[in-house]
Amino acid sequence: MIRVYSITNILRQFTTNGSQPVLVMANNHQDYVCKYPRSAANFSKPLVNEYLGSCFLKQWNINTPDIAVVQVKPEHINEEIFNLQPAWFKRPCFGSQYNRYFQEFDKFVGSSSQNKGIKANNNFLRTALFDIWVGNDDRNIGNFNLMIDTTNFNNLVSIDHGDIFNTSSIYGGRELYLLSFEDSILSSPLLTKIYTKKTFYSKVFRTNLEKEYYLCIDRCERNFAEIIKDLPSEWCDDKPNLSSIVSANLFNDEWKKNCWKLFLEFIHTNLKTT
């Protein structure tokens, strides 16, 4: 992952219910949406989650913005304008490359021509399955955390993964637990606007999707050591322990099987109610 630093004052602070990230221009002349560690602890769970979520999505071939380690210089913080504290920027931020052509998913879904890019590679379904696997309870019908790239055939782009692993509960000794139907985008009535119902009754479709699901997890597992190696040490001072916790939860056969089973159950529940 590349390392960059700010070259201008903070351009904007995004008003959200959670992290309230900032927009900065870096020395590679790219704009980044930056999330910063608010705690002085040596383990920044949200930033670690953002990093791991992005890396795993790449292994799943699900579109997500390019990322960088971004150091915001003290003179660029603009604390008198934004609700920010200089201490939050002593360590580098997690930066997600900004694209002004992105549009919010739920405001975009409409005609079949618009939906074509969303359906491409079954990205909506695979994102929902990914969320079940990583315990992402922050992406739901009230907060899709999905964007549409209008410059790239309306492809779906997944963002915001700071609350994976059941909002970091695995770091406190809990095992991953399965999402509720309401905590999944599969509960959305938009599902049957994107796909026809007969799609889900195709055994070939389900078999191919299941095969791909296991291949994606296998890629994550095979590349996991390298992913952990590249994790910035400023966000985690005990990588071996982190690796052990995440591996034990994500890569065991029972968890993988239960996640697939739940995915099918959620689709069935949606089809019954729409």
C-alpha atoms as a PDB file:
ATOM      1  CA  MET A   1       0.000   0.000   0.000  1.00  0.00           C
ATOM      2  CA  ILE A   2       1.402   3.374  -0.982  1.00  0.00           C
ATOM      3  CA  ARG A   3       2.227   6.107   1.516  1.00  0.00           C
ATOM      4  CA  VAL A   4       1.424   9.724   0.712  1.00  0.00           C
ATOM      5  CA  TYR A   5       1.116  13.015   2.564  1.00  0.00           C
ATOM      6  CA  SER A   6      -1.187  16.019   2.347  1.00  0.00           C
ATOM      7  CA  ILE A   7      -0.192  19.032   0.249  1.00  0.00           C
ATOM      8  CA  THR A   8      -3.187  21.292   0.955  1.00  0.00           C
ATOM      9  CA  ASN A   9      -5.451  22.108   3.861  1.00  0.00           C
ATOM     10  CA  ILE A  10      -8.270  19.672   4.561  1.00  0.00           C
ATOM     11  CA  LEU A  11     -10.841  20.348   1.863  1.00  0.00           C
ATOM     12  CA  ARG A  12     -13.956  18.977   3.511  1.00  0.00           C
ATOM     13  CA  GLN A  13     -15.277  16.984   6.454  1.00  0.00           C
ATOM     14  CA  PHE A  14     -18.016  14.481   5.668  1.00  0.00           C
ATOM     15  CA  THR A  15     -20.955  14.531   8.042  1.00  0.00           C
ATOM     16  CA  THR A  16     -21.714  10.929   8.926  1.00  0.00           C
ATOM     17  CA  ASN A  17     -23.095   9.072  11.921  1.00  0.00           C
ATOM     18  CA  GLY A  18     -19.722   7.499  12.530  1.00  0.00           C
ATOM     19  CA  SER A  19     -16.160   8.363  11.587  1.00  0.00           C
ATOM     20  CA  GLN A  20     -16.676  11.819   9.998  1.00  0.00           C
ATOM     21  CA  PRO A  21     -13.777  11.420   7.542  1.00  0.00           C
ATOM     22  CA  VAL A  22     -11.976  14.291   5.842  1.00  0.00           C
ATOM     23  CA  LEU A  23     -11.035  14.957   2.237  1.00  0.00           C
ATOM     24  CA  VAL A  24      -7.419  15.836   1.458  1.00  0.00           C
ATOM     25  CA  MET A  25      -5.246  16.184  -1.620  1.00  0.00           C
ATOM     26  CA  ALA A  26      -2.038  14.162  -1.426  1.00  0.00           C
ATOM     27  CA  ASN A  27       1.370  14.593  -3.018  1.00  0.00           C
ATOM     28  CA  ASN A  28       0.435  12.126  -5.782  1.00  0.00           C
ATOM     29  CA  HIS A  29      -2.274  14.673  -6.752  1.00  0.00           C
ATOM     30  CA  GLN A  30      -5.086  12.325  -5.798  1.00  0.00           C
ATOM     31  CA  ASP A  31      -7.869  13.221  -3.370  1.00  0.00           C
ATOM     32  CA  TYR A  32      -8.427  10.805  -0.480  1.00  0.00           C
ATOM     33  CA  VAL A  33     -11.276  10.327   1.958  1.00  0.00           C
ATOM     34  CA  CYS A  34      -9.308   9.885   5.167  1.00  0.00           C
ATOM     35  CA  LYS A  35     -10.329   8.142   8.360  1.00  0.00           C
ATOM     36  CA  TYR A  36      -8.198   8.912  11.377  1.00  0.00           C
ATOM     37  CA  PRO A  37      -7.447   7.101  14.654  1.00  0.00           C
ATOM     38  CA  ARG A  38      -9.240   8.969  17.441  1.00  0.00           C
ATOM     39  CA  SER A  39      -7.786   6.783  20.164  1.00  0.00           C
ATOM     40  CA  ALA A  40      -4.169   6.859  21.349  1.00  0.00           C
ATOM     41  CA  ALA A  41      -4.199   3.053  21.599  1.00  0.00           C
ATOM     42  CA  ASN A  42      -1.650   1.137  19.538  1.00  0.00           C
ATOM     43  CA  PHE A  43      -4.432  -0.914  17.967  1.00  0.00           C
ATOM     44  CA  SER A  44      -6.807   1.146  15.821  1.00  0.00           C
ATOM     45  CA  LYS A  45      -9.625  -1.318  15.171  1.00  0.00           C
ATOM     46  CA  PRO A  46     -11.603   0.754  12.614  1.00  0.00           C
ATOM     47  CA  LEU A  47      -8.519   1.443  10.477  1.00  0.00           C
ATOM     48  CA  VAL A  48      -7.381  -2.178  10.629  1.00  0.00           C
ATOM     49  CA  ASN A  49     -10.878  -3.239   9.607  1.00  0.00           C
ATOM     50  CA  GLU A  50     -10.934  -0.751   6.736  1.00  0.00           C
ATOM     51  CA  TYR A  51      -7.622  -2.084   5.495  1.00  0.00           C
ATOM     52  CA  LEU A  52      -8.548  -5.772   5.807  1.00  0.00           C
ATOM     53  CA  GLY A  53     -11.981  -5.186   4.270  1.00  0.00           C
ATOM     54  CA  SER A  54     -10.432  -3.474   1.264  1.00  0.00           C
ATOM     55  CA  CYS A  55      -7.784  -6.173   0.804  1.00  0.00           C
ATOM     56  CA  PHE A  56     -10.331  -8.982   1.040  1.00  0.00           C
ATOM     57  CA  LEU A  57     -12.658  -7.248  -1.444  1.00  0.00           C
ATOM     58  CA  LYS A  58      -9.777  -7.097  -3.931  1.00  0.00           C
ATOM     59  CA  GLN A  59      -9.343 -10.865  -3.539  1.00  0.00           C
ATOM     60  CA  TRP A  60     -13.069 -11.260  -4.229  1.00  0.00           C
ATOM     61  CA  ASN A  61     -12.766  -9.057  -7.337  1.00  0.00           C
ATOM     62  CA  ILE A  62     -15.393  -6.698  -5.924  1.00  0.00           C
ATOM     63  CA  ASN A  63     -14.879  -3.060  -6.874  1.00  0.00           C
ATOM     64  CA  THR A  64     -13.628  -0.854  -4.059  1.00  0.00           C
ATOM     65  CA  PRO A  65     -11.582   2.368  -4.159  1.00  0.00           C
ATOM     66  CA  ASP A  66      -7.801   2.215  -4.188  1.00  0.00           C
ATOM     67  CA  ILE A  67      -6.342   2.892  -0.764  1.00  0.00           C
ATOM     68  CA  ALA A  68      -3.288   4.577   0.723  1.00  0.00           C
ATOM     69  CA  VAL A  69      -1.653   5.421   4.026  1.00  0.00           C
ATOM     70  CA  VAL A  70      -2.125   9.180   4.255  1.00  0.00           C
ATOM     71  CA  GLN A  71      -0.183  11.434   6.619  1.00  0.00           C
ATOM     72  CA  VAL A  72      -2.044  14.695   7.148  1.00  0.00           C
ATOM     73  CA  LYS A  73       0.455  17.391   8.050  1.00  0.00           C
ATOM     74  CA  PRO A  74      -0.261  19.481  11.190  1.00  0.00           C
ATOM     75  CA  GLU A  75      -0.478  22.713   9.207  1.00  0.00           C
ATOM     76  CA  HIS A  76      -3.258  21.244   7.042  1.00  0.00           C
ATOM     77  CA  ILE A  77      -5.679  20.208   9.802  1.00  0.00           C
ATOM     78  CA  ASN A  78      -7.886  23.345   9.835  1.00  0.00           C
ATOM     79  CA  GLU A  79      -9.036  22.721  13.396  1.00  0.00           C
ATOM     80  CA  GLU A  80     -10.564  26.190  13.575  1.00  0.00           C
ATOM     81  CA  ILE A  81     -12.913  25.335  10.696  1.00  0.00           C
ATOM     82  CA  PHE A  82     -13.648  21.665  11.257  1.00  0.00           C
ATOM     83  CA  ASN A  83     -14.420  19.733  14.413  1.00  0.00           C
ATOM     84  CA  LEU A  84     -10.991  18.117  14.552  1.00  0.00           C
ATOM     85  CA  GLN A  85      -8.194  17.599  17.049  1.00  0.00           C
ATOM     86  CA  PRO A  86      -4.511  17.651  16.006  1.00  0.00           C
ATOM     87  CA  ALA A  87      -3.863  14.574  18.171  1.00  0.00           C
ATOM     88  CA  TRP A  88      -6.041  12.500  15.821  1.00  0.00           C
ATOM     89  CA  PHE A  89      -3.546  13.050  13.003  1.00  0.00           C
ATOM     90  CA  LYS A  90      -0.298  12.226  14.770  1.00  0.00           C
ATOM     91  CA  ARG A  91      -0.529   8.784  13.187  1.00  0.00           C
ATOM     92  CA  PRO A  92      -1.309   8.255   9.494  1.00  0.00           C
ATOM     93  CA  CYS A  93      -4.877   7.937   8.230  1.00  0.00           C
ATOM     94  CA  PHE A  94      -6.562   5.265   6.170  1.00  0.00           C
ATOM     95  CA  GLY A  95      -7.151   6.904   2.788  1.00  0.00           C
ATOM     96  CA  SER A  96      -9.731   5.805   0.236  1.00  0.00           C
ATOM     97  CA  GLN A  97      -9.359   7.398  -3.177  1.00  0.00           C
ATOM     98  CA  TYR A  98     -12.139   9.893  -3.867  1.00  0.00           C
ATOM     99  CA  ASN A  99     -14.157   9.861  -7.099  1.00  0.00           C
ATOM    100  CA  ARG A 100     -16.542  12.766  -7.654  1.00  0.00           C
ATOM    101  CA  TYR A 101     -18.460  10.753 -10.240  1.00  0.00           C
ATOM    102  CA  PHE A 102     -19.665   8.172  -7.734  1.00  0.00           C
ATOM    103  CA  GLN A 103     -23.392   8.197  -7.017  1.00  0.00           C
ATOM    104  CA  GLU A 104     -25.210   6.597  -4.098  1.00  0.00           C
ATOM    105  CA  PHE A 105     -26.524   3.166  -4.986  1.00  0.00           C
ATOM    106  CA  ASP A 106     -30.070   3.363  -3.633  1.00  0.00           C
ATOM    107  CA  LYS A 107     -30.702   6.683  -5.388  1.00  0.00           C
ATOM    108  CA  PHE A 108     -29.498   5.281  -8.688  1.00  0.00           C
ATOM    109  CA  VAL A 109     -31.242   1.917  -9.100  1.00  0.00           C
ATOM    110  CA  GLY A 110     -33.921   2.229 -11.716  1.00  0.00           C
ATOM    111  CA  SER A 111     -34.285   1.066 -15.298  1.00  0.00           C
ATOM    112  CA  SER A 112     -32.866  -2.193 -16.602  1.00  0.00           C
ATOM    113  CA  SER A 113     -30.193  -0.252 -18.511  1.00  0.00           C
ATOM    114  CA  GLN A 114     -29.043   1.426 -15.288  1.00  0.00           C
ATOM    115  CA  ASN A 115     -29.057  -1.879 -13.450  1.00  0.00           C
ATOM    116  CA  LYS A 116     -26.879  -3.643 -16.015  1.00  0.00           C
ATOM    117  CA  GLY A 117     -23.634  -2.534 -14.373  1.00  0.00           C
ATOM    118  CA  ILE A 118     -24.965  -3.390 -10.909  1.00  0.00           C
ATOM    119  CA  LYS A 119     -25.756  -6.921 -12.085  1.00  0.00           C
ATOM    120  CA  ALA A 120     -22.340  -7.326 -13.719  1.00  0.00           C
ATOM    121  CA  ASN A 121     -20.401 -10.196 -12.166  1.00  0.00           C
ATOM    122  CA  ASN A 122     -23.259 -10.563  -9.646  1.00  0.00           C
ATOM    123  CA  ASN A 123     -21.575  -7.832  -7.610  1.00  0.00           C
ATOM    124  CA  PHE A 124     -24.647  -6.998  -5.530  1.00  0.00           C
ATOM    125  CA  LEU A 125     -25.113 -10.614  -4.481  1.00  0.00           C
ATOM    126  CA  ARG A 126     -21.415 -11.211  -3.951  1.00  0.00           C
ATOM    127  CA  THR A 127     -21.146  -8.067  -1.816  1.00  0.00           C
ATOM    128  CA  ALA A 128     -24.032  -9.329   0.323  1.00  0.00           C
ATOM    129  CA  LEU A 129     -22.297 -12.696   0.663  1.00  0.00           C
ATOM    130  CA  PHE A 130     -18.997 -11.001   1.483  1.00  0.00           C
ATOM    131  CA  ASP A 131     -20.726  -9.026   4.248  1.00  0.00           C
ATOM    132  CA  ILE A 132     -22.082 -12.205   5.803  1.00  0.00           C
ATOM    133  CA  TRP A 133     -18.619 -13.778   5.701  1.00  0.00           C
ATOM    134  CA  VAL A 134     -16.833 -10.829   7.374  1.00  0.00           C
ATOM    135  CA  GLY A 135     -19.703 -10.010   9.754  1.00  0.00           C
ATOM    136  CA  ASN A 136     -20.352  -6.545   8.329  1.00  0.00           C
ATOM    137  CA  ASP A 137     -23.457  -5.372  10.168  1.00  0.00           C
ATOM    138  CA  ASP A 138     -23.016  -1.754   9.041  1.00  0.00           C
ATOM    139  CA  ARG A 139     -24.236  -2.306   5.456  1.00  0.00           C
ATOM    140  CA  ASN A 140     -28.021  -2.624   5.393  1.00  0.00           C
ATOM    141  CA  ILE A 141     -31.084  -1.124   3.716  1.00  0.00           C
ATOM    142  CA  GLY A 142     -30.773   2.032   5.820  1.00  0.00           C
ATOM    143  CA  ASN A 143     -27.077   2.421   5.056  1.00  0.00           C
ATOM    144  CA  PHE A 144     -26.034   0.677   1.842  1.00  0.00           C
ATOM    145  CA  ASN A 145     -22.416   1.901   1.795  1.00  0.00           C
ATOM    146  CA  LEU A 146     -22.456   1.204  -1.936  1.00  0.00           C
ATOM    147  CA  MET A 147     -21.681   3.597  -4.737  1.00  0.00           C
ATOM    148  CA  ILE A 148     -22.205   3.534  -8.485  1.00  0.00           C
ATOM    149  CA  ASP A 149     -19.245   4.403 -10.700  1.00  0.00           C
ATOM    150  CA  THR A 150     -20.933   6.325 -13.499  1.00  0.00           C
ATOM    151  CA  THR A 151     -17.642   6.468 -15.437  1.00  0.00           C
ATOM    152  CA  ASN A 152     -17.264   2.679 -15.499  1.00  0.00           C
ATOM    153  CA  PHE A 153     -20.465   1.151 -16.900  1.00  0.00           C
ATOM    154  CA  ASN A 154     -22.369   1.899 -13.663  1.00  0.00           C
ATOM    155  CA  ASN A 155     -20.399  -0.724 -11.779  1.00  0.00           C
ATOM    156  CA  LEU A 156     -21.049  -1.217  -8.086  1.00  0.00           C
ATOM    157  CA  VAL A 157     -18.379   0.004  -5.660  1.00  0.00           C
ATOM    158  CA  SER A 158     -18.185  -1.122  -2.025  1.00  0.00           C
ATOM    159  CA  ILE A 159     -17.074   1.403   0.628  1.00  0.00           C
ATOM    160  CA  ASP A 160     -16.823   1.755   4.429  1.00  0.00           C
ATOM    161  CA  HIS A 161     -15.706  -1.393   6.240  1.00  0.00           C
ATOM    162  CA  GLY A 162     -14.677  -0.081   9.639  1.00  0.00           C
ATOM    163  CA  ASP A 163     -17.371  -2.125  11.388  1.00  0.00           C
ATOM    164  CA  ILE A 164     -16.664  -5.581   9.998  1.00  0.00           C
ATOM    165  CA  PHE A 165     -16.138  -8.503  12.389  1.00  0.00           C
ATOM    166  CA  ASN A 166     -19.441  -7.668  14.136  1.00  0.00           C
ATOM    167  CA  THR A 167     -18.218  -4.140  14.868  1.00  0.00           C
ATOM    168  CA  SER A 168     -14.802  -5.451  16.014  1.00  0.00           C
ATOM    169  CA  SER A 169     -16.273  -7.755  18.655  1.00  0.00           C
ATOM    170  CA  ILE A 170     -13.842 -10.565  17.747  1.00  0.00           C
ATOM    171  CA  TYR A 171     -10.993  -8.488  19.167  1.00  0.00           C
ATOM    172  CA  GLY A 172     -12.600  -8.763  22.578  1.00  0.00           C
ATOM    173  CA  GLY A 173     -12.599 -12.550  22.531  1.00  0.00           C
ATOM    174  CA  ARG A 174     -16.021 -13.177  20.961  1.00  0.00           C
ATOM    175  CA  GLU A 175     -16.419 -15.458  17.973  1.00  0.00           C
ATOM    176  CA  LEU A 176     -17.970 -14.109  14.804  1.00  0.00           C
ATOM    177  CA  TYR A 177     -21.734 -14.489  14.766  1.00  0.00           C
ATOM    178  CA  LEU A 178     -24.083 -14.534  11.801  1.00  0.00           C
ATOM    179  CA  LEU A 179     -25.891 -11.410  10.649  1.00  0.00           C
ATOM    180  CA  SER A 180     -29.615 -10.943  11.062  1.00  0.00           C
ATOM    181  CA  PHE A 181     -31.781 -10.588   7.965  1.00  0.00           C
ATOM    182  CA  GLU A 182     -32.324  -6.901   8.759  1.00  0.00           C
ATOM    183  CA  ASP A 183     -28.547  -6.352   8.889  1.00  0.00           C
ATOM    184  CA  SER A 184     -28.111  -7.555   5.317  1.00  0.00           C
ATOM    185  CA  ILE A 185     -28.752  -5.766   2.023  1.00  0.00           C
ATOM    186  CA  LEU A 186     -30.498  -8.979   0.965  1.00  0.00           C
ATOM    187  CA  SER A 187     -33.485  -7.729   2.952  1.00  0.00           C
ATOM    188  CA  SER A 188     -33.914  -4.885   0.452  1.00  0.00           C
ATOM    189  CA  PRO A 189     -36.836  -4.908  -2.010  1.00  0.00           C
ATOM    190  CA  LEU A 190     -34.291  -3.652  -4.549  1.00  0.00           C
ATOM    191  CA  LEU A 191     -33.031  -7.230  -4.866  1.00  0.00           C
ATOM    192  CA  THR A 192     -35.875  -8.195  -7.180  1.00  0.00           C
ATOM    193  CA  LYS A 193     -35.523  -4.945  -9.126  1.00  0.00           C
ATOM    194  CA  ILE A 194     -31.962  -5.903  -9.988  1.00  0.00           C
ATOM    195  CA  TYR A 195     -32.527  -9.629 -10.579  1.00  0.00           C
ATOM    196  CA  THR A 196     -35.528 -11.556 -11.813  1.00  0.00           C
ATOM    197  CA  LYS A 197     -36.882 -14.096  -9.356  1.00  0.00           C
ATOM    198  CA  LYS A 198     -36.265 -16.969 -11.753  1.00  0.00           C
ATOM    199  CA  THR A 199     -32.525 -16.250 -11.503  1.00  0.00           C
ATOM    200  CA  PHE A 200     -32.459 -17.613  -7.965  1.00  0.00           C
ATOM    201  CA  TYR A 201     -34.278 -20.823  -8.880  1.00  0.00           C
ATOM    202  CA  SER A 202     -31.522 -21.829 -11.302  1.00  0.00           C
ATOM    203  CA  LYS A 203     -29.419 -24.641  -9.855  1.00  0.00           C
ATOM    204  CA  VAL A 204     -26.578 -23.795 -12.252  1.00  0.00           C
ATOM    205  CA  PHE A 205     -26.595 -20.184 -11.034  1.00  0.00           C
ATOM    206  CA  ARG A 206     -26.442 -21.215  -7.380  1.00  0.00           C
ATOM    207  CA  THR A 207     -23.747 -23.834  -8.007  1.00  0.00           C
ATOM    208  CA  ASN A 208     -21.509 -21.409  -9.875  1.00  0.00           C
ATOM    209  CA  LEU A 209     -21.953 -18.743  -7.214  1.00  0.00           C
ATOM    210  CA  GLU A 210     -21.113 -21.210  -4.444  1.00  0.00           C
ATOM    211  CA  LYS A 211     -18.015 -22.391  -6.271  1.00  0.00           C
ATOM    212  CA  GLU A 212     -16.849 -18.824  -6.710  1.00  0.00           C
ATOM    213  CA  TYR A 213     -17.558 -18.079  -3.037  1.00  0.00           C
ATOM    214  CA  TYR A 214     -15.169 -20.782  -1.856  1.00  0.00           C
ATOM    215  CA  LEU A 215     -12.523 -19.784  -4.404  1.00  0.00           C
ATOM    216  CA  CYS A 216     -12.643 -16.175  -3.168  1.00  0.00           C
ATOM    217  CA  ILE A 217     -12.143 -17.223   0.440  1.00  0.00           C
ATOM    218  CA  ASP A 218      -9.299 -19.498  -0.628  1.00  0.00           C
ATOM    219  CA  ARG A 219      -7.568 -16.550  -2.322  1.00  0.00           C
ATOM    220  CA  CYS A 220      -7.969 -14.491   0.856  1.00  0.00           C
ATOM    221  CA  GLU A 221      -6.443 -17.249   2.948  1.00  0.00           C
ATOM    222  CA  ARG A 222      -3.535 -17.872   0.578  1.00  0.00           C
ATOM    223  CA  ASN A 223      -2.664 -14.176   0.491  1.00  0.00           C
ATOM    224  CA  PHE A 224      -3.442 -13.415   4.121  1.00  0.00           C
ATOM    225  CA  ALA A 225       0.173 -13.516   5.368  1.00  0.00           C
ATOM    226  CA  GLU A 226       1.158 -10.909   2.791  1.00  0.00           C
ATOM    227  CA  ILE A 227      -1.883  -8.775   3.648  1.00  0.00           C
ATOM    228  CA  ILE A 228      -0.929  -8.780   7.333  1.00  0.00           C
ATOM    229  CA  LYS A 229       2.695  -8.016   6.459  1.00  0.00           C
ATOM    230  CA  ASP A 230       1.635  -4.874   4.559  1.00  0.00           C
ATOM    231  CA  LEU A 231      -0.625  -3.622   7.358  1.00  0.00           C
ATOM    232  CA  PRO A 232       0.838  -0.351   8.722  1.00  0.00           C
ATOM    233  CA  SER A 233       2.436  -0.991  12.100  1.00  0.00           C
ATOM    234  CA  GLU A 234       1.112   2.393  13.302  1.00  0.00           C
ATOM    235  CA  TRP A 235      -2.385   0.864  13.343  1.00  0.00           C
ATOM    236  CA  CYS A 236      -1.501  -2.468  14.952  1.00  0.00           C
ATOM    237  CA  ASP A 237       1.443  -3.304  17.204  1.00  0.00           C
ATOM    238  CA  ASP A 238       0.714  -7.044  17.455  1.00  0.00           C
ATOM    239  CA  LYS A 239       0.260  -8.455  13.980  1.00  0.00           C
ATOM    240  CA  PRO A 240       0.736 -12.125  14.981  1.00  0.00           C
ATOM    241  CA  ASN A 241      -2.163 -11.905  17.438  1.00  0.00           C
ATOM    242  CA  LEU A 242      -4.341 -10.110  14.892  1.00  0.00           C
ATOM    243  CA  SER A 243      -3.536 -12.739  12.277  1.00  0.00           C
ATOM    244  CA  SER A 244      -4.432 -15.546  14.656  1.00  0.00           C
ATOM    245  CA  ILE A 245      -7.788 -13.990  15.629  1.00  0.00           C
ATOM    246  CA  VAL A 246      -8.909 -13.214  12.084  1.00  0.00           C
ATOM    247  CA  SER A 247      -7.774 -16.569  10.673  1.00  0.00           C
ATOM    248  CA  ALA A 248      -9.566 -18.545  13.373  1.00  0.00           C
ATOM    249  CA  ASN A 249     -12.824 -16.753  12.659  1.00  0.00           C
ATOM    250  CA  LEU A 250     -12.858 -16.411   8.869  1.00  0.00           C
ATOM    251  CA  PHE A 251     -11.112 -19.458   7.520  1.00  0.00           C
ATOM    252  CA  ASN A 252     -12.699 -22.347   9.404  1.00  0.00           C
ATOM    253  CA  ASP A 253     -14.899 -24.717   7.415  1.00  0.00           C
ATOM    254  CA  GLU A 254     -17.935 -24.496   9.664  1.00  0.00           C
ATOM    255  CA  TRP A 255     -18.077 -20.706   9.415  1.00  0.00           C
ATOM    256  CA  LYS A 256     -17.787 -20.807   5.625  1.00  0.00           C
ATOM    257  CA  LYS A 257     -20.555 -23.400   5.377  1.00  0.00           C
ATOM    258  CA  ASN A 258     -22.879 -21.519   7.742  1.00  0.00           C
ATOM    259  CA  CYS A 259     -22.375 -18.253   5.859  1.00  0.00           C
ATOM    260  CA  TRP A 260     -23.343 -19.844   2.543  1.00  0.00           C
ATOM    261  CA  LYS A 261     -26.384 -21.462   4.093  1.00  0.00           C
ATOM    262  CA  LEU A 262     -27.485 -18.140   5.606  1.00  0.00           C
ATOM    263  CA  PHE A 263     -27.022 -16.374   2.264  1.00  0.00           C
ATOM    264  CA  LEU A 264     -29.477 -18.784   0.628  1.00  0.00           C
ATOM    265  CA  GLU A 265     -31.921 -18.399   3.527  1.00  0.00           C
ATOM    266  CA  PHE A 266     -31.884 -14.605   3.211  1.00  0.00           C
ATOM    267  CA  ILE A 267     -32.629 -14.777  -0.515  1.00  0.00           C
ATOM    268  CA  HIS A 268     -35.487 -17.199   0.138  1.00  0.00           C
ATOM    269  CA  THR A 269     -36.890 -14.891   2.825  1.00  0.00           C
ATOM    270  CA  ASN A 270     -36.720 -11.907   0.487  1.00  0.00           C
ATOM    271  CA  LEU A 271     -38.470 -13.760  -2.346  1.00  0.00           C
ATOM    272  CA  LYS A 272     -41.303 -14.741  -0.013  1.00  0.00           C
ATOM    273  CA  THR A 273     -41.921 -11.139   1.025  1.00  0.00           C
ATOM    274  CA  THR A 274     -41.604  -9.300  -2.314  1.00  0.00           C
END
